Amino acid sequence: MEFRDDDLAQFAAEGAAPLPATDTQGYVEHAGARIWYAAYGEGPAVILLHGGLGHSGNWGYQVPALTGQGFRTIVIDSRGHGRSTRDAQPFSYELMASDVLAVMDELGVARAALVGWSDGACTALV
């Protein structure tokens, strides 16, 4: 049986801070996957990249803090995580970095600071 928590209700029920509501969210079709993203606020862009087996909901405390300081904060569910799909391609940091660039293109973001932990940090370094 496959369990999906696409709306992160189970995650929130365990005590995690929920992501704020936003009108700017969607999917980018890229390299065989649908990559989910959400954007909050205005200002210089900061992209938050979660670690392996995580998802964008891991940033529930950081998103309001960053938007409150005047940053456009973008969260992405890495391929095969959260609301994003994957195909049969093996995971690689290069592939996941190209997903980030596809989201940046979709949102018209030319430059961004990248923040990540675990696999998200490795993706940011590519």
PDB file of N, CA and C in Angstrom:
ATOM      1  N   MET A   1       0.841  -1.178   0.000  1.00  0.00           N
ATOM      2  CA  MET A   1       0.000   0.000   0.000  1.00  0.00           C
ATOM      3  C   MET A   1       0.888   1.245   0.000  1.00  0.00           C
ATOM      4  N   GLU A   2       0.593   2.155  -0.894  1.00  0.00           N
ATOM      5  CA  GLU A   2       1.364   3.396  -0.982  1.00  0.00           C
ATOM      6  C   GLU A   2       0.670   4.481  -0.171  1.00  0.00           C
ATOM      7  N   PHE A   3       1.425   5.168   0.654  1.00  0.00           N
ATOM      8  CA  PHE A   3       0.888   6.280   1.438  1.00  0.00           C
ATOM      9  C   PHE A   3       1.420   7.575   0.870  1.00  0.00           C
ATOM     10  N   ARG A   4       0.528   8.492   0.573  1.00  0.00           N
ATOM     11  CA  ARG A   4       0.932   9.814   0.087  1.00  0.00           C
ATOM     12  C   ARG A   4       0.340  10.852   1.021  1.00  0.00           C
ATOM     13  N   ASP A   5       1.123  11.845   1.333  1.00  0.00           N
ATOM     14  CA  ASP A   5       0.695  12.938   2.203  1.00  0.00           C
ATOM     15  C   ASP A   5       0.837  14.241   1.427  1.00  0.00           C
ATOM     16  N   ASP A   6       0.223  14.286   0.233  1.00  0.00           N
ATOM     17  CA  ASP A   6       0.416  15.419  -0.668  1.00  0.00           C
ATOM     18  C   ASP A   6       0.032  16.755  -0.052  1.00  0.00           C
ATOM     19  N   ASP A   7      -0.963  16.779   0.810  1.00  0.00           N
ATOM     20  CA  ASP A   7      -1.335  18.053   1.429  1.00  0.00           C
ATOM     21  C   ASP A   7      -0.611  18.261   2.763  1.00  0.00           C
ATOM     22  N   LEU A   8       0.276  17.355   3.116  1.00  0.00           N
ATOM     23  CA  LEU A   8       1.117  17.407   4.313  1.00  0.00           C
ATOM     24  C   LEU A   8       0.304  17.389   5.609  1.00  0.00           C
ATOM     25  N   ALA A   9      -0.920  16.875   5.561  1.00  0.00           N
ATOM     26  CA  ALA A   9      -1.772  16.827   6.747  1.00  0.00           C
ATOM     27  C   ALA A   9      -1.166  15.936   7.831  1.00  0.00           C
ATOM     28  N   GLN A  10      -0.661  14.770   7.452  1.00  0.00           N
ATOM     29  CA  GLN A  10      -0.053  13.875   8.437  1.00  0.00           C
ATOM     30  C   GLN A  10       1.196  14.509   9.035  1.00  0.00           C
ATOM     31  N   PHE A  11       1.981  15.156   8.193  1.00  0.00           N
ATOM     32  CA  PHE A  11       3.195  15.828   8.662  1.00  0.00           C
ATOM     33  C   PHE A  11       2.833  16.896   9.691  1.00  0.00           C
ATOM     34  N   ALA A  12       1.818  17.705   9.398  1.00  0.00           N
ATOM     35  CA  ALA A  12       1.378  18.750  10.321  1.00  0.00           C
ATOM     36  C   ALA A  12       0.815  18.141  11.603  1.00  0.00           C
ATOM     37  N   ALA A  13       0.127  17.019  11.486  1.00  0.00           N
ATOM     38  CA  ALA A  13      -0.454  16.369  12.660  1.00  0.00           C
ATOM     39  C   ALA A  13       0.616  15.905  13.638  1.00  0.00           C
ATOM     40  N   GLU A  14       1.819  15.697  13.148  1.00  0.00           N
ATOM     41  CA  GLU A  14       2.929  15.280  14.005  1.00  0.00           C
ATOM     42  C   GLU A  14       3.620  16.465  14.665  1.00  0.00           C
ATOM     43  N   GLY A  15       3.110  17.693  14.433  1.00  0.00           N
ATOM     44  CA  GLY A  15       3.644  18.866  15.117  1.00  0.00           C
ATOM     45  C   GLY A  15       4.486  19.793  14.276  1.00  0.00           C
ATOM     46  N   ALA A  16       4.635  19.523  12.998  1.00  0.00           N
ATOM     47  CA  ALA A  16       5.426  20.404  12.133  1.00  0.00           C
ATOM     48  C   ALA A  16       4.652  21.681  11.835  1.00  0.00           C
ATOM     49  N   ALA A  17       5.370  22.770  11.685  1.00  0.00           N
ATOM     50  CA  ALA A  17       4.729  24.032  11.293  1.00  0.00           C
ATOM     51  C   ALA A  17       4.278  23.918   9.847  1.00  0.00           C
ATOM     52  N   PRO A  18       3.042  24.292   9.543  1.00  0.00           N
ATOM     53  CA  PRO A  18       2.578  24.209   8.155  1.00  0.00           C
ATOM     54  C   PRO A  18       3.184  25.310   7.301  1.00  0.00           C
ATOM     55  N   LEU A  19       3.295  25.045   6.013  1.00  0.00           N
ATOM     56  CA  LEU A  19       3.685  26.106   5.091  1.00  0.00           C
ATOM     57  C   LEU A  19       2.545  27.109   5.011  1.00  0.00           C
ATOM     58  N   PRO A  20       2.865  28.404   4.866  1.00  0.00           N
ATOM     59  CA  PRO A  20       1.792  29.390   4.713  1.00  0.00           C
ATOM     60  C   PRO A  20       1.047  29.187   3.395  1.00  0.00           C
ATOM     61  N   ALA A  21      -0.136  29.756   3.308  1.00  0.00           N
ATOM     62  CA  ALA A  21      -0.902  29.709   2.060  1.00  0.00           C
ATOM     63  C   ALA A  21      -0.232  30.601   1.018  1.00  0.00           C
ATOM     64  N   THR A  22      -0.335  30.204  -0.242  1.00  0.00           N
ATOM     65  CA  THR A  22       0.193  31.012  -1.337  1.00  0.00           C
ATOM     66  C   THR A  22      -0.633  30.769  -2.586  1.00  0.00           C
ATOM     67  N   ASP A  23      -0.707  31.787  -3.425  1.00  0.00           N
ATOM     68  CA  ASP A  23      -1.352  31.632  -4.727  1.00  0.00           C
ATOM     69  C   ASP A  23      -0.344  31.216  -5.789  1.00  0.00           C
ATOM     70  N   THR A  24       0.946  31.281  -5.447  1.00  0.00           N
ATOM     71  CA  THR A  24       1.993  30.971  -6.416  1.00  0.00           C
ATOM     72  C   THR A  24       2.552  29.586  -6.133  1.00  0.00           C
ATOM     73  N   GLN A  25       1.937  28.596  -6.743  1.00  0.00           N
ATOM     74  CA  GLN A  25       2.427  27.230  -6.634  1.00  0.00           C
ATOM     75  C   GLN A  25       2.019  26.481  -7.887  1.00  0.00           C
ATOM     76  N   GLY A  26       2.725  25.421  -8.157  1.00  0.00           N
ATOM     77  CA  GLY A  26       2.389  24.650  -9.346  1.00  0.00           C
ATOM     78  C   GLY A  26       3.422  23.580  -9.608  1.00  0.00           C
ATOM     79  N   TYR A  27       3.403  23.105 -10.843  1.00  0.00           N
ATOM     80  CA  TYR A  27       4.310  22.049 -11.279  1.00  0.00           C
ATOM     81  C   TYR A  27       5.048  22.498 -12.524  1.00  0.00           C
ATOM     82  N   VAL A  28       6.284  22.070 -12.646  1.00  0.00           N
ATOM     83  CA  VAL A  28       7.063  22.223 -13.866  1.00  0.00           C
ATOM     84  C   VAL A  28       7.320  20.818 -14.397  1.00  0.00           C
ATOM     85  N   GLU A  29       6.997  20.596 -15.655  1.00  0.00           N
ATOM     86  CA  GLU A  29       7.319  19.321 -16.303  1.00  0.00           C
ATOM     87  C   GLU A  29       8.774  19.413 -16.748  1.00  0.00           C
ATOM     88  N   HIS A  30       9.617  18.534 -16.218  1.00  0.00           N
ATOM     89  CA  HIS A  30      11.036  18.617 -16.551  1.00  0.00           C
ATOM     90  C   HIS A  30      11.696  17.245 -16.491  1.00  0.00           C
ATOM     91  N   ALA A  31      12.366  16.883 -17.556  1.00  0.00           N
ATOM     92  CA  ALA A  31      13.194  15.669 -17.606  1.00  0.00           C
ATOM     93  C   ALA A  31      12.471  14.447 -17.048  1.00  0.00           C
ATOM     94  N   GLY A  32      11.223  14.247 -17.467  1.00  0.00           N
ATOM     95  CA  GLY A  32      10.488  13.055 -17.082  1.00  0.00           C
ATOM     96  C   GLY A  32       9.781  13.121 -15.748  1.00  0.00           C
ATOM     97  N   ALA A  33       9.752  14.281 -15.107  1.00  0.00           N
ATOM     98  CA  ALA A  33       9.101  14.399 -13.798  1.00  0.00           C
ATOM     99  C   ALA A  33       8.267  15.675 -13.734  1.00  0.00           C
ATOM    100  N   ARG A  34       7.316  15.677 -12.815  1.00  0.00           N
ATOM    101  CA  ARG A  34       6.552  16.879 -12.487  1.00  0.00           C
ATOM    102  C   ARG A  34       7.113  17.388 -11.170  1.00  0.00           C
ATOM    103  N   ILE A  35       7.727  18.572 -11.211  1.00  0.00           N
ATOM    104  CA  ILE A  35       8.389  19.136 -10.040  1.00  0.00           C
ATOM    105  C   ILE A  35       7.478  20.192  -9.417  1.00  0.00           C
ATOM    106  N   TRP A  36       7.110  19.984  -8.150  1.00  0.00           N
ATOM    107  CA  TRP A  36       6.218  20.902  -7.446  1.00  0.00           C
ATOM    108  C   TRP A  36       7.025  22.014  -6.791  1.00  0.00           C
ATOM    109  N   TYR A  37       6.461  23.221  -6.809  1.00  0.00           N
ATOM    110  CA  TYR A  37       7.097  24.374  -6.171  1.00  0.00           C
ATOM    111  C   TYR A  37       6.028  25.292  -5.592  1.00  0.00           C
ATOM    112  N   ALA A  38       6.438  26.160  -4.678  1.00  0.00           N
ATOM    113  CA  ALA A  38       5.600  27.242  -4.167  1.00  0.00           C
ATOM    114  C   ALA A  38       6.515  28.426  -3.895  1.00  0.00           C
ATOM    115  N   ALA A  39       5.989  29.632  -4.086  1.00  0.00           N
ATOM    116  CA  ALA A  39       6.759  30.854  -3.854  1.00  0.00           C
ATOM    117  C   ALA A  39       5.966  31.778  -2.944  1.00  0.00           C
ATOM    118  N   TYR A  40       6.689  32.496  -2.101  1.00  0.00           N
ATOM    119  CA  TYR A  40       6.094  33.370  -1.097  1.00  0.00           C
ATOM    120  C   TYR A  40       6.826  34.706  -1.096  1.00  0.00           C
ATOM    121  N   GLY A  41       6.087  35.799  -0.990  1.00  0.00           N
ATOM    122  CA  GLY A  41       6.678  37.108  -0.783  1.00  0.00           C
ATOM    123  C   GLY A  41       7.336  37.698  -2.015  1.00  0.00           C
ATOM    124  N   GLU A  42       7.955  38.841  -1.798  1.00  0.00           N
ATOM    125  CA  GLU A  42       8.661  39.593  -2.838  1.00  0.00           C
ATOM    126  C   GLU A  42      10.050  39.938  -2.335  1.00  0.00           C
ATOM    127  N   GLY A  43      10.958  40.200  -3.258  1.00  0.00           N
ATOM    128  CA  GLY A  43      12.313  40.597  -2.901  1.00  0.00           C
ATOM    129  C   GLY A  43      13.325  39.653  -3.505  1.00  0.00           C
ATOM    130  N   PRO A  44      14.570  39.730  -3.021  1.00  0.00           N
ATOM    131  CA  PRO A  44      15.600  38.809  -3.515  1.00  0.00           C
ATOM    132  C   PRO A  44      15.174  37.366  -3.242  1.00  0.00           C
ATOM    133  N   ALA A  45      15.448  36.487  -4.206  1.00  0.00           N
ATOM    134  CA  ALA A  45      14.985  35.099  -4.107  1.00  0.00           C
ATOM    135  C   ALA A  45      15.903  34.239  -3.249  1.00  0.00           C
ATOM    136  N   VAL A  46      15.286  33.429  -2.409  1.00  0.00           N
ATOM    137  CA  VAL A  46      15.961  32.392  -1.634  1.00  0.00           C
ATOM    138  C   VAL A  46      15.217  31.087  -1.923  1.00  0.00           C
ATOM    139  N   ILE A  47      15.947  30.072  -2.365  1.00  0.00           N
ATOM    140  CA  ILE A  47      15.345  28.771  -2.660  1.00  0.00           C
ATOM    141  C   ILE A  47      15.771  27.783  -1.581  1.00  0.00           C
ATOM    142  N   LEU A  48      14.780  27.135  -0.966  1.00  0.00           N
ATOM    143  CA  LEU A  48      15.017  26.180   0.108  1.00  0.00           C
ATOM    144  C   LEU A  48      14.900  24.763  -0.442  1.00  0.00           C
ATOM    145  N   LEU A  49      15.960  23.968  -0.264  1.00  0.00           N
ATOM    146  CA  LEU A  49      16.037  22.609  -0.810  1.00  0.00           C
ATOM    147  C   LEU A  49      16.159  21.605   0.338  1.00  0.00           C
ATOM    148  N   HIS A  50      15.160  20.748   0.474  1.00  0.00           N
ATOM    149  CA  HIS A  50      15.129  19.773   1.566  1.00  0.00           C
ATOM    150  C   HIS A  50      16.097  18.620   1.309  1.00  0.00           C
ATOM    151  N   GLY A  51      16.320  17.845   2.342  1.00  0.00           N
ATOM    152  CA  GLY A  51      17.183  16.678   2.239  1.00  0.00           C
ATOM    153  C   GLY A  51      16.440  15.440   1.765  1.00  0.00           C
ATOM    154  N   GLY A  52      17.196  14.359   1.597  1.00  0.00           N
ATOM    155  CA  GLY A  52      16.631  13.101   1.142  1.00  0.00           C
ATOM    156  C   GLY A  52      15.516  12.613   2.060  1.00  0.00           C
ATOM    157  N   LEU A  53      14.462  12.100   1.464  1.00  0.00           N
ATOM    158  CA  LEU A  53      13.260  11.612   2.129  1.00  0.00           C
ATOM    159  C   LEU A  53      12.457  12.721   2.800  1.00  0.00           C
ATOM    160  N   GLY A  54      12.833  13.979   2.563  1.00  0.00           N
ATOM    161  CA  GLY A  54      12.086  15.116   3.088  1.00  0.00           C
ATOM    162  C   GLY A  54      11.146  15.677   2.039  1.00  0.00           C
ATOM    163  N   HIS A  55      10.654  16.867   2.288  1.00  0.00           N
ATOM    164  CA  HIS A  55       9.787  17.578   1.351  1.00  0.00           C
ATOM    165  C   HIS A  55       9.722  19.038   1.782  1.00  0.00           C
ATOM    166  N   SER A  56       9.046  19.854   0.999  1.00  0.00           N
ATOM    167  CA  SER A  56       9.004  21.291   1.260  1.00  0.00           C
ATOM    168  C   SER A  56       8.415  21.631   2.622  1.00  0.00           C
ATOM    169  N   GLY A  57       7.574  20.762   3.155  1.00  0.00           N
ATOM    170  CA  GLY A  57       6.989  21.019   4.464  1.00  0.00           C
ATOM    171  C   GLY A  57       8.015  21.109   5.577  1.00  0.00           C
ATOM    172  N   ASN A  58       9.220  20.624   5.334  1.00  0.00           N
ATOM    173  CA  ASN A  58      10.281  20.733   6.334  1.00  0.00           C
ATOM    174  C   ASN A  58      10.678  22.180   6.610  1.00  0.00           C
ATOM    175  N   TRP A  59      10.260  23.107   5.759  1.00  0.00           N
ATOM    176  CA  TRP A  59      10.648  24.516   5.873  1.00  0.00           C
ATOM    177  C   TRP A  59       9.540  25.384   6.478  1.00  0.00           C
ATOM    178  N   GLY A  60       8.598  24.788   7.196  1.00  0.00           N
ATOM    179  CA  GLY A  60       7.457  25.525   7.735  1.00  0.00           C
ATOM    180  C   GLY A  60       7.813  26.682   8.647  1.00  0.00           C
ATOM    181  N   TYR A  61       8.906  26.598   9.374  1.00  0.00           N
ATOM    182  CA  TYR A  61       9.316  27.705  10.243  1.00  0.00           C
ATOM    183  C   TYR A  61      10.134  28.749   9.481  1.00  0.00           C
ATOM    184  N   GLN A  62      10.924  28.314   8.516  1.00  0.00           N
ATOM    185  CA  GLN A  62      11.824  29.223   7.820  1.00  0.00           C
ATOM    186  C   GLN A  62      11.112  30.116   6.809  1.00  0.00           C
ATOM    187  N   VAL A  63      10.072  29.603   6.137  1.00  0.00           N
ATOM    188  CA  VAL A  63       9.392  30.403   5.108  1.00  0.00           C
ATOM    189  C   VAL A  63       8.849  31.711   5.682  1.00  0.00           C
ATOM    190  N   PRO A  64       8.069  31.702   6.766  1.00  0.00           N
ATOM    191  CA  PRO A  64       7.573  32.975   7.292  1.00  0.00           C
ATOM    192  C   PRO A  64       8.694  33.896   7.780  1.00  0.00           C
ATOM    193  N   ALA A  65       9.744  33.314   8.352  1.00  0.00           N
ATOM    194  CA  ALA A  65      10.859  34.138   8.828  1.00  0.00           C
ATOM    195  C   ALA A  65      11.548  34.849   7.668  1.00  0.00           C
ATOM    196  N   LEU A  66      11.785  34.139   6.575  1.00  0.00           N
ATOM    197  CA  LEU A  66      12.458  34.747   5.420  1.00  0.00           C
ATOM    198  C   LEU A  66      11.569  35.755   4.700  1.00  0.00           C
ATOM    199  N   THR A  67      10.300  35.416   4.500  1.00  0.00           N
ATOM    200  CA  THR A  67       9.411  36.375   3.828  1.00  0.00           C
ATOM    201  C   THR A  67       9.226  37.610   4.692  1.00  0.00           C
ATOM    202  N   GLY A  68       9.201  37.430   6.000  1.00  0.00           N
ATOM    203  CA  GLY A  68       9.089  38.564   6.921  1.00  0.00           C
ATOM    204  C   GLY A  68      10.288  39.490   6.875  1.00  0.00           C
ATOM    205  N   GLN A  69      11.420  38.986   6.417  1.00  0.00           N
ATOM    206  CA  GLN A  69      12.635  39.797   6.279  1.00  0.00           C
ATOM    207  C   GLN A  69      12.790  40.355   4.872  1.00  0.00           C
ATOM    208  N   GLY A  70      11.769  40.193   4.022  1.00  0.00           N
ATOM    209  CA  GLY A  70      11.790  40.801   2.695  1.00  0.00           C
ATOM    210  C   GLY A  70      12.347  39.941   1.580  1.00  0.00           C
ATOM    211  N   PHE A  71      12.343  38.626   1.757  1.00  0.00           N
ATOM    212  CA  PHE A  71      12.835  37.732   0.710  1.00  0.00           C
ATOM    213  C   PHE A  71      11.677  37.058  -0.015  1.00  0.00           C
ATOM    214  N   ARG A  72      11.865  36.812  -1.304  1.00  0.00           N
ATOM    215  CA  ARG A  72      10.957  35.941  -2.048  1.00  0.00           C
ATOM    216  C   ARG A  72      11.451  34.525  -1.775  1.00  0.00           C
ATOM    217  N   THR A  73      10.677  33.762  -1.068  1.00  0.00           N
ATOM    218  CA  THR A  73      11.095  32.444  -0.611  1.00  0.00           C
ATOM    219  C   THR A  73      10.415  31.379  -1.460  1.00  0.00           C
ATOM    220  N   ILE A  74      11.214  30.484  -2.010  1.00  0.00           N
ATOM    221  CA  ILE A  74      10.721  29.444  -2.910  1.00  0.00           C
ATOM    222  C   ILE A  74      11.073  28.087  -2.316  1.00  0.00           C
ATOM    223  N   VAL A  75      10.083  27.211  -2.248  1.00  0.00           N
ATOM    224  CA  VAL A  75      10.323  25.833  -1.811  1.00  0.00           C
ATOM    225  C   VAL A  75      10.032  24.904  -2.979  1.00  0.00           C
ATOM    226  N   ILE A  76      10.779  23.829  -3.048  1.00  0.00           N
ATOM    227  CA  ILE A  76      10.643  22.849  -4.127  1.00  0.00           C
ATOM    228  C   ILE A  76      10.632  21.458  -3.502  1.00  0.00           C
ATOM    229  N   ASP A  77       9.711  20.619  -3.950  1.00  0.00           N
ATOM    230  CA  ASP A  77       9.777  19.199  -3.594  1.00  0.00           C
ATOM    231  C   ASP A  77      10.678  18.526  -4.623  1.00  0.00           C
ATOM    232  N   SER A  78      11.797  17.987  -4.182  1.00  0.00           N
ATOM    233  CA  SER A  78      12.717  17.307  -5.097  1.00  0.00           C
ATOM    234  C   SER A  78      12.014  16.144  -5.781  1.00  0.00           C
ATOM    235  N   ARG A  79      12.502  15.792  -6.966  1.00  0.00           N
ATOM    236  CA  ARG A  79      11.869  14.690  -7.713  1.00  0.00           C
ATOM    237  C   ARG A  79      11.772  13.441  -6.843  1.00  0.00           C
ATOM    238  N   GLY A  80      10.591  12.822  -6.907  1.00  0.00           N
ATOM    239  CA  GLY A  80      10.343  11.621  -6.128  1.00  0.00           C
ATOM    240  C   GLY A  80      10.055  11.872  -4.659  1.00  0.00           C
ATOM    241  N   HIS A  81       9.913  13.126  -4.263  1.00  0.00           N
ATOM    242  CA  HIS A  81       9.652  13.496  -2.874  1.00  0.00           C
ATOM    243  C   HIS A  81       8.415  14.392  -2.813  1.00  0.00           C
ATOM    244  N   GLY A  82       7.696  14.333  -1.708  1.00  0.00           N
ATOM    245  CA  GLY A  82       6.543  15.219  -1.530  1.00  0.00           C
ATOM    246  C   GLY A  82       5.567  15.100  -2.680  1.00  0.00           C
ATOM    247  N   ARG A  83       5.270  16.231  -3.314  1.00  0.00           N
ATOM    248  CA  ARG A  83       4.297  16.269  -4.410  1.00  0.00           C
ATOM    249  C   ARG A  83       4.921  16.075  -5.780  1.00  0.00           C
ATOM    250  N   SER A  84       6.231  15.960  -5.848  1.00  0.00           N
ATOM    251  CA  SER A  84       6.908  15.785  -7.141  1.00  0.00           C
ATOM    252  C   SER A  84       6.967  14.312  -7.527  1.00  0.00           C
ATOM    253  N   THR A  85       6.908  14.065  -8.822  1.00  0.00           N
ATOM    254  CA  THR A  85       6.990  12.697  -9.329  1.00  0.00           C
ATOM    255  C   THR A  85       8.422  12.399  -9.758  1.00  0.00           C
ATOM    256  N   ARG A  86       8.624  11.192 -10.216  1.00  0.00           N
ATOM    257  CA  ARG A  86       9.916  10.811 -10.779  1.00  0.00           C
ATOM    258  C   ARG A  86       9.674   9.813 -11.887  1.00  0.00           C
ATOM    259  N   ASP A  87      10.709   9.552 -12.659  1.00  0.00           N
ATOM    260  CA  ASP A  87      10.629   8.506 -13.674  1.00  0.00           C
ATOM    261  C   ASP A  87      11.678   7.454 -13.335  1.00  0.00           C
ATOM    262  N   ALA A  88      12.059   6.653 -14.303  1.00  0.00           N
ATOM    263  CA  ALA A  88      12.992   5.551 -14.045  1.00  0.00           C
ATOM    264  C   ALA A  88      14.453   5.995 -13.996  1.00  0.00           C
ATOM    265  N   GLN A  89      14.730   7.260 -14.308  1.00  0.00           N
ATOM    266  CA  GLN A  89      16.121   7.729 -14.269  1.00  0.00           C
ATOM    267  C   GLN A  89      16.678   7.607 -12.852  1.00  0.00           C
ATOM    268  N   PRO A  90      17.942   7.253 -12.728  1.00  0.00           N
ATOM    269  CA  PRO A  90      18.550   7.259 -11.395  1.00  0.00           C
ATOM    270  C   PRO A  90      18.641   8.697 -10.873  1.00  0.00           C
ATOM    271  N   PHE A  91      18.503   8.844  -9.577  1.00  0.00           N
ATOM    272  CA  PHE A  91      18.679  10.157  -8.970  1.00  0.00           C
ATOM    273  C   PHE A  91      20.128  10.594  -9.136  1.00  0.00           C
ATOM    274  N   SER A  92      20.326  11.871  -9.387  1.00  0.00           N
ATOM    275  CA  SER A  92      21.671  12.453  -9.352  1.00  0.00           C
ATOM    276  C   SER A  92      21.523  13.903  -8.929  1.00  0.00           C
ATOM    277  N   TYR A  93      22.569  14.432  -8.320  1.00  0.00           N
ATOM    278  CA  TYR A  93      22.521  15.834  -7.911  1.00  0.00           C
ATOM    279  C   TYR A  93      22.454  16.745  -9.127  1.00  0.00           C
ATOM    280  N   GLU A  94      23.089  16.342 -10.217  1.00  0.00           N
ATOM    281  CA  GLU A  94      23.031  17.141 -11.442  1.00  0.00           C
ATOM    282  C   GLU A  94      21.601  17.219 -11.971  1.00  0.00           C
ATOM    283  N   LEU A  95      20.897  16.087 -11.959  1.00  0.00           N
ATOM    284  CA  LEU A  95      19.511  16.061 -12.426  1.00  0.00           C
ATOM    285  C   LEU A  95      18.627  16.918 -11.522  1.00  0.00           C
ATOM    286  N   MET A  96      18.804  16.787 -10.210  1.00  0.00           N
ATOM    287  CA  MET A  96      17.996  17.583  -9.283  1.00  0.00           C
ATOM    288  C   MET A  96      18.330  19.069  -9.392  1.00  0.00           C
ATOM    289  N   ALA A  97      19.596  19.404  -9.665  1.00  0.00           N
ATOM    290  CA  ALA A  97      19.964  20.810  -9.877  1.00  0.00           C
ATOM    291  C   ALA A  97      19.303  21.347 -11.140  1.00  0.00           C
ATOM    292  N   SER A  98      19.194  20.519 -12.174  1.00  0.00           N
ATOM    293  CA  SER A  98      18.517  20.971 -13.393  1.00  0.00           C
ATOM    294  C   SER A  98      17.025  21.181 -13.137  1.00  0.00           C
ATOM    295  N   ASP A  99      16.439  20.422 -12.209  1.00  0.00           N
ATOM    296  CA  ASP A  99      15.049  20.658 -11.814  1.00  0.00           C
ATOM    297  C   ASP A  99      14.903  22.035 -11.162  1.00  0.00           C
ATOM    298  N   VAL A 100      15.855  22.392 -10.313  1.00  0.00           N
ATOM    299  CA  VAL A 100      15.830  23.713  -9.665  1.00  0.00           C
ATOM    300  C   VAL A 100      15.899  24.810 -10.720  1.00  0.00           C
ATOM    301  N   LEU A 101      16.780  24.651 -11.700  1.00  0.00           N
ATOM    302  CA  LEU A 101      16.877  25.651 -12.773  1.00  0.00           C
ATOM    303  C   LEU A 101      15.575  25.751 -13.562  1.00  0.00           C
ATOM    304  N   ALA A 102      14.894  24.620 -13.772  1.00  0.00           N
ATOM    305  CA  ALA A 102      13.609  24.641 -14.485  1.00  0.00           C
ATOM    306  C   ALA A 102      12.563  25.429 -13.695  1.00  0.00           C
ATOM    307  N   VAL A 103      12.550  25.272 -12.382  1.00  0.00           N
ATOM    308  CA  VAL A 103      11.623  26.047 -11.545  1.00  0.00           C
ATOM    309  C   VAL A 103      11.987  27.526 -11.600  1.00  0.00           C
ATOM    310  N   MET A 104      13.272  27.837 -11.525  1.00  0.00           N
ATOM    311  CA  MET A 104      13.696  29.236 -11.621  1.00  0.00           C
ATOM    312  C   MET A 104      13.234  29.847 -12.940  1.00  0.00           C
ATOM    313  N   ASP A 105      13.404  29.119 -14.026  1.00  0.00           N
ATOM    314  CA  ASP A 105      12.942  29.609 -15.335  1.00  0.00           C
ATOM    315  C   ASP A 105      11.436  29.843 -15.323  1.00  0.00           C
ATOM    316  N   GLU A 106      10.686  28.898 -14.775  1.00  0.00           N
ATOM    317  CA  GLU A 106       9.222  29.013 -14.712  1.00  0.00           C
ATOM    318  C   GLU A 106       8.794  30.273 -13.957  1.00  0.00           C
ATOM    319  N   LEU A 107       9.518  30.595 -12.888  1.00  0.00           N
ATOM    320  CA  LEU A 107       9.172  31.743 -12.049  1.00  0.00           C
ATOM    321  C   LEU A 107       9.863  33.032 -12.485  1.00  0.00           C
ATOM    322  N   GLY A 108      10.709  32.971 -13.505  1.00  0.00           N
ATOM    323  CA  GLY A 108      11.416  34.166 -13.963  1.00  0.00           C
ATOM    324  C   GLY A 108      12.478  34.648 -12.994  1.00  0.00           C
ATOM    325  N   VAL A 109      13.099  33.724 -12.282  1.00  0.00           N
ATOM    326  CA  VAL A 109      14.138  34.054 -11.303  1.00  0.00           C
ATOM    327  C   VAL A 109      15.499  33.851 -11.954  1.00  0.00           C
ATOM    328  N   ALA A 110      16.257  34.940 -12.107  1.00  0.00           N
ATOM    329  CA  ALA A 110      17.576  34.861 -12.737  1.00  0.00           C
ATOM    330  C   ALA A 110      18.674  34.477 -11.739  1.00  0.00           C
ATOM    331  N   ARG A 111      18.530  34.920 -10.497  1.00  0.00           N
ATOM    332  CA  ARG A 111      19.537  34.658  -9.457  1.00  0.00           C
ATOM    333  C   ARG A 111      18.822  34.348  -8.156  1.00  0.00           C
ATOM    334  N   ALA A 112      19.433  33.489  -7.365  1.00  0.00           N
ATOM    335  CA  ALA A 112      18.842  33.156  -6.069  1.00  0.00           C
ATOM    336  C   ALA A 112      19.923  32.654  -5.128  1.00  0.00           C
ATOM    337  N   ALA A 113      19.714  32.906  -3.852  1.00  0.00           N
ATOM    338  CA  ALA A 113      20.512  32.250  -2.823  1.00  0.00           C
ATOM    339  C   ALA A 113      19.897  30.872  -2.613  1.00  0.00           C
ATOM    340  N   LEU A 114      20.734  29.865  -2.442  1.00  0.00           N
ATOM    341  CA  LEU A 114      20.260  28.497  -2.236  1.00  0.00           C
ATOM    342  C   LEU A 114      20.583  28.057  -0.817  1.00  0.00           C
ATOM    343  N   VAL A 115      19.587  27.498  -0.152  1.00  0.00           N
ATOM    344  CA  VAL A 115      19.753  26.981   1.202  1.00  0.00           C
ATOM    345  C   VAL A 115      19.296  25.529   1.178  1.00  0.00           C
ATOM    346  N   GLY A 116      20.123  24.635   1.674  1.00  0.00           N
ATOM    347  CA  GLY A 116      19.729  23.238   1.672  1.00  0.00           C
ATOM    348  C   GLY A 116      20.373  22.480   2.808  1.00  0.00           C
ATOM    349  N   TRP A 117      19.775  21.352   3.131  1.00  0.00           N
ATOM    350  CA  TRP A 117      20.366  20.436   4.101  1.00  0.00           C
ATOM    351  C   TRP A 117      20.436  19.055   3.459  1.00  0.00           C
ATOM    352  N   SER A 118      21.465  18.308   3.789  1.00  0.00           N
ATOM    353  CA  SER A 118      21.680  16.958   3.276  1.00  0.00           C
ATOM    354  C   SER A 118      21.668  16.973   1.744  1.00  0.00           C
ATOM    355  N   ASP A 119      20.803  16.182   1.097  1.00  0.00           N
ATOM    356  CA  ASP A 119      20.773  16.158  -0.371  1.00  0.00           C
ATOM    357  C   ASP A 119      20.488  17.533  -0.960  1.00  0.00           C
ATOM    358  N   GLY A 120      19.703  18.346  -0.276  1.00  0.00           N
ATOM    359  CA  GLY A 120      19.421  19.699  -0.768  1.00  0.00           C
ATOM    360  C   GLY A 120      20.676  20.545  -0.839  1.00  0.00           C
ATOM    361  N   ALA A 121      21.558  20.405   0.153  1.00  0.00           N
ATOM    362  CA  ALA A 121      22.819  21.147   0.135  1.00  0.00           C
ATOM    363  C   ALA A 121      23.719  20.645  -0.987  1.00  0.00           C
ATOM    364  N   CYS A 122      23.759  19.341  -1.198  1.00  0.00           N
ATOM    365  CA  CYS A 122      24.566  18.791  -2.298  1.00  0.00           C
ATOM    366  C   CYS A 122      24.045  19.273  -3.643  1.00  0.00           C
ATOM    367  N   THR A 123      22.726  19.319  -3.801  1.00  0.00           N
ATOM    368  CA  THR A 123      22.128  19.834  -5.034  1.00  0.00           C
ATOM    369  C   THR A 123      22.511  21.292  -5.236  1.00  0.00           C
ATOM    370  N   ALA A 124      22.467  22.076  -4.180  1.00  0.00           N
ATOM    371  CA  ALA A 124      22.809  23.500  -4.268  1.00  0.00           C
ATOM    372  C   ALA A 124      24.256  23.710  -4.699  1.00  0.00           C
ATOM    373  N   LEU A 125      25.136  22.805  -4.319  1.00  0.00           N
ATOM    374  CA  LEU A 125      26.554  22.953  -4.660  1.00  0.00           C
ATOM    375  C   LEU A 125      26.854  22.637  -6.118  1.00  0.00           C
ATOM    376  N   VAL A 126      25.935  21.933  -6.798  1.00  0.00           N
ATOM    377  CA  VAL A 126      26.137  21.608  -8.216  1.00  0.00           C
ATOM    378  C   VAL A 126      25.938  22.853  -8.961  1.00  0.00           C
TER     379      VAL A 126
END
